[in-house]
Amino acid sequence: MQNFTRRELICAGAMGCFLPTTAWAHKVKLPERFEPQLVNTRRGDWVKGDVHVVPDDFFLYFMLEDGMAIRYGVGVGRKGLYEPGEFTVARKAKWPWWRPTNAMIRREPRKYAKYKDGLKGGPNNPLGARALYLYDAEGRDTFLRIHGTNAPETIGSAVSNGCARLTNEHVKDLYERVEIGARVFLYPKVTTA
């Protein structure tokens, strides 16, 4: 797969131009493979506008045309908490409010009970700068999110409570591209880590 500069991402040849919506820089230096890149997935069955999360590789693909995608590095759910499936983005939020789920509070009360009434959006909020809310086929909130993080060093690892996380800078870019109603595919983990 080819790495592209920011300028090349702006005008990607035959695909036409698209403008990045945020700066790509952030304080933590990610491995190059986790920086946003224009890639050819060679997948004819992955449709424009869909999102695909491949947990073992720690990549999220936002699909463009003809198998092309913007690939972002992600962190995913830790062992026993990652939930594969097909979902729909039913809601989006900037600097979202957050409350840990009841299951999170039960699992780790010392860490999460203090937030039982929720936490307003902002730089210290675990959902980061943006969130995409994933709903199931019956239209119910799954409490799974694709969101930002104030811990960018966790990109490329399985540490979350089930959500997929990007750096705040990268999720701001993804947020502008993903439409309400977009399909999201969270693929099963093959490795046990």
Protein backbone atom coordinates (compact mmCIF):
# COMPACT_ATOMS: atom_id res chain seq x y z
CA MET A 1 0.00 0.00 0.00
CA GLN A 2 1.24 3.43 -0.85
CA ASN A 3 1.81 6.22 1.64
CA PHE A 4 0.61 9.62 0.52
CA THR A 5 1.62 13.07 1.61
CA ARG A 6 -1.03 15.48 2.88
CA ARG A 7 -0.91 17.29 -0.49
CA GLU A 8 -1.49 14.02 -2.35
CA LEU A 9 -4.45 13.25 -0.09
CA ILE A 10 -6.02 16.55 -1.11
CA CYS A 11 -6.05 15.67 -4.82
CA ALA A 12 -5.91 11.94 -5.35
CA GLY A 13 -5.70 11.64 -9.12
CA ALA A 14 -8.64 10.02 -10.87
CA MET A 15 -10.71 9.95 -7.69
CA GLY A 16 -11.04 13.71 -7.73
CA CYS A 17 -10.17 16.21 -5.08
CA PHE A 18 -11.30 16.21 -1.51
CA LEU A 19 -10.21 18.60 1.18
CA PRO A 20 -8.87 17.44 4.52
CA THR A 21 -10.95 18.95 7.27
CA THR A 22 -8.28 19.22 9.97
CA ALA A 23 -4.56 19.31 10.45
CA TRP A 24 -2.97 15.86 10.62
CA ALA A 25 -0.51 16.77 13.36
CA HIS A 26 -0.87 15.73 16.99
CA LYS A 27 1.45 15.75 19.99
CA VAL A 28 2.19 12.00 20.09
CA LYS A 29 4.17 10.71 17.13
CA LEU A 30 2.31 7.68 15.81
CA PRO A 31 4.05 4.99 13.78
CA GLU A 32 3.73 6.00 10.13
CA ARG A 33 1.36 3.12 9.37
CA PHE A 34 -1.22 4.64 11.77
CA GLU A 35 -1.22 8.06 10.12
CA PRO A 36 -4.08 8.62 7.62
CA GLN A 37 -3.19 7.19 4.23
CA LEU A 38 -4.91 6.82 0.91
CA VAL A 39 -4.87 3.10 0.10
CA ASN A 40 -6.27 0.73 -2.48
CA THR A 41 -8.12 -1.97 -0.54
CA ARG A 42 -8.72 -3.96 -3.74
CA ARG A 43 -12.15 -4.73 -2.28
CA GLY A 44 -14.97 -4.42 -4.79
CA ASP A 45 -17.52 -5.35 -2.13
CA TRP A 46 -16.62 -2.45 0.19
CA VAL A 47 -18.97 0.39 -0.76
CA LYS A 48 -18.28 4.13 -0.90
CA GLY A 49 -19.21 5.82 2.37
CA ASP A 50 -18.97 2.65 4.47
CA VAL A 51 -16.59 2.25 7.40
CA HIS A 52 -14.65 -0.97 8.04
CA VAL A 53 -12.69 -1.69 11.23
CA VAL A 54 -10.13 -4.50 11.04
CA PRO A 55 -9.17 -5.03 14.70
CA ASP A 56 -6.15 -7.29 14.34
CA ASP A 57 -4.46 -4.73 12.08
CA PHE A 58 -5.75 -1.72 14.09
CA PHE A 59 -7.05 -0.02 10.95
CA LEU A 60 -10.28 1.78 10.11
CA TYR A 61 -11.09 2.26 6.41
CA PHE A 62 -13.38 5.01 5.18
CA MET A 63 -14.35 3.91 1.69
CA LEU A 64 -14.09 6.15 -1.36
CA GLU A 65 -14.64 4.94 -4.94
CA ASP A 66 -13.25 1.90 -6.76
CA GLY A 67 -11.83 0.20 -3.68
CA MET A 68 -9.89 3.27 -2.59
CA ALA A 69 -10.07 4.29 1.06
CA ILE A 70 -8.63 6.59 3.65
CA ARG A 71 -7.04 4.32 6.23
CA TYR A 72 -6.71 5.51 9.83
CA GLY A 73 -4.97 3.85 12.75
CA VAL A 74 -7.29 2.91 15.62
CA GLY A 75 -7.35 1.44 19.08
CA VAL A 76 -10.00 -1.23 19.69
CA GLY A 77 -11.75 -3.05 22.54
CA ARG A 78 -9.68 -5.16 24.85
CA LYS A 79 -10.10 -8.91 25.19
CA GLY A 80 -13.69 -9.87 25.95
CA LEU A 81 -15.08 -6.39 25.24
CA TYR A 82 -14.72 -6.03 21.47
CA GLU A 83 -18.04 -6.70 19.71
CA PRO A 84 -17.98 -7.46 15.98
CA GLY A 85 -20.98 -6.87 13.77
CA GLU A 86 -22.68 -4.59 11.26
CA PHE A 87 -23.97 -1.29 12.58
CA THR A 88 -25.36 2.03 11.38
CA VAL A 89 -24.19 5.51 12.30
CA ALA A 90 -27.42 6.96 13.70
CA ARG A 91 -25.97 9.98 15.47
CA LYS A 92 -22.85 12.15 15.47
CA ALA A 93 -21.63 14.58 18.12
CA LYS A 94 -18.91 17.19 18.50
CA TRP A 95 -17.24 17.21 21.92
CA PRO A 96 -19.81 14.64 23.12
CA TRP A 97 -21.18 14.20 26.62
CA TRP A 98 -20.16 10.82 28.09
CA ARG A 99 -21.34 8.47 30.78
CA PRO A 100 -19.74 5.07 31.44
CA THR A 101 -22.11 2.18 30.88
CA ASN A 102 -23.45 0.32 33.90
CA ALA A 103 -21.27 -2.64 32.89
CA MET A 104 -18.17 -0.42 32.94
CA ILE A 105 -19.08 0.86 36.41
CA ARG A 106 -19.60 -2.72 37.67
CA ARG A 107 -16.29 -3.93 36.15
CA GLU A 108 -14.19 -1.04 37.41
CA PRO A 109 -16.07 0.95 40.07
CA ARG A 110 -12.99 2.81 41.33
CA LYS A 111 -12.32 4.12 37.86
CA TYR A 112 -15.85 4.82 36.61
CA ALA A 113 -18.32 5.26 39.52
CA LYS A 114 -17.34 8.91 39.94
CA TYR A 115 -18.68 9.55 36.41
CA LYS A 116 -22.10 7.89 36.99
CA ASP A 117 -23.81 11.24 36.37
CA GLY A 118 -21.84 11.83 33.18
CA LEU A 119 -19.10 14.12 32.02
CA LYS A 120 -19.56 17.10 29.73
CA GLY A 121 -17.65 17.22 26.47
CA GLY A 122 -14.16 18.66 26.34
CA PRO A 123 -10.48 17.76 26.19
CA ASN A 124 -10.66 15.56 29.33
CA ASN A 125 -13.66 13.57 28.13
CA PRO A 126 -12.81 9.94 27.14
CA LEU A 127 -14.82 10.25 23.90
CA GLY A 128 -12.53 13.00 22.71
CA ALA A 129 -13.36 15.58 20.06
CA ARG A 130 -15.99 13.68 18.06
CA ALA A 131 -18.15 10.56 18.31
CA LEU A 132 -20.09 8.42 15.86
CA TYR A 133 -22.86 6.47 17.62
CA LEU A 134 -23.42 2.91 16.37
CA TYR A 135 -26.92 1.44 16.34
CA ASP A 136 -28.04 -2.11 15.57
CA ALA A 137 -30.42 -3.34 12.85
CA GLU A 138 -33.44 -2.75 15.13
CA GLY A 139 -32.46 0.90 15.62
CA ARG A 140 -31.19 0.50 19.19
CA ASP A 141 -28.11 2.24 20.54
CA THR A 142 -25.40 -0.39 21.06
CA PHE A 143 -23.30 1.95 23.26
CA LEU A 144 -20.47 1.28 20.80
CA ARG A 145 -18.78 4.37 19.41
CA ILE A 146 -16.11 5.41 16.99
CA HIS A 147 -14.60 8.33 18.84
CA GLY A 148 -11.57 10.41 19.58
CA THR A 149 -9.23 9.95 22.48
CA ASN A 150 -7.17 12.10 24.80
CA ALA A 151 -4.72 9.16 24.95
CA PRO A 152 -3.34 8.95 21.38
CA GLU A 153 -0.59 6.58 22.55
CA THR A 154 -3.31 3.86 22.70
CA ILE A 155 -3.72 3.81 18.91
CA GLY A 156 -2.60 0.41 17.67
CA SER A 157 -3.62 -1.43 20.83
CA ALA A 158 -6.62 -3.25 22.32
CA VAL A 159 -7.38 -1.29 25.48
CA SER A 160 -10.86 0.23 25.22
CA ASN A 161 -14.19 -0.93 26.63
CA GLY A 162 -15.30 -2.00 23.16
CA CYS A 163 -15.22 1.18 21.08
CA ALA A 164 -12.88 2.07 18.23
CA ARG A 165 -10.80 5.18 18.95
CA LEU A 166 -8.79 7.50 16.74
CA THR A 167 -6.65 10.47 17.68
CA ASN A 168 -8.74 13.62 18.13
CA GLU A 169 -7.24 15.11 14.97
CA HIS A 170 -8.05 12.03 12.90
CA VAL A 171 -11.59 11.60 14.26
CA LYS A 172 -12.35 15.22 13.38
CA ASP A 173 -11.43 14.42 9.78
CA LEU A 174 -13.42 11.16 9.74
CA TYR A 175 -16.43 12.86 11.36
CA GLU A 176 -16.76 15.29 8.46
CA ARG A 177 -16.68 12.45 5.92
CA VAL A 178 -19.10 9.95 7.50
CA GLU A 179 -22.82 10.52 6.88
CA ILE A 180 -25.70 9.64 9.18
CA GLY A 181 -26.92 6.25 7.95
CA ALA A 182 -23.45 5.02 6.97
CA ARG A 183 -22.82 1.34 7.52
CA VAL A 184 -20.04 0.33 9.89
CA PHE A 185 -18.50 -3.13 9.86
CA LEU A 186 -16.54 -4.24 12.92
CA TYR A 187 -14.78 -7.43 11.88
CA PRO A 188 -14.12 -10.28 14.30
CA LYS A 189 -10.74 -10.55 15.96
CA VAL A 190 -8.66 -13.46 14.76
CA THR A 191 -5.90 -13.08 17.35
CA THR A 192 -6.72 -13.51 21.02
CA ALA A 193 -4.83 -10.43 22.24
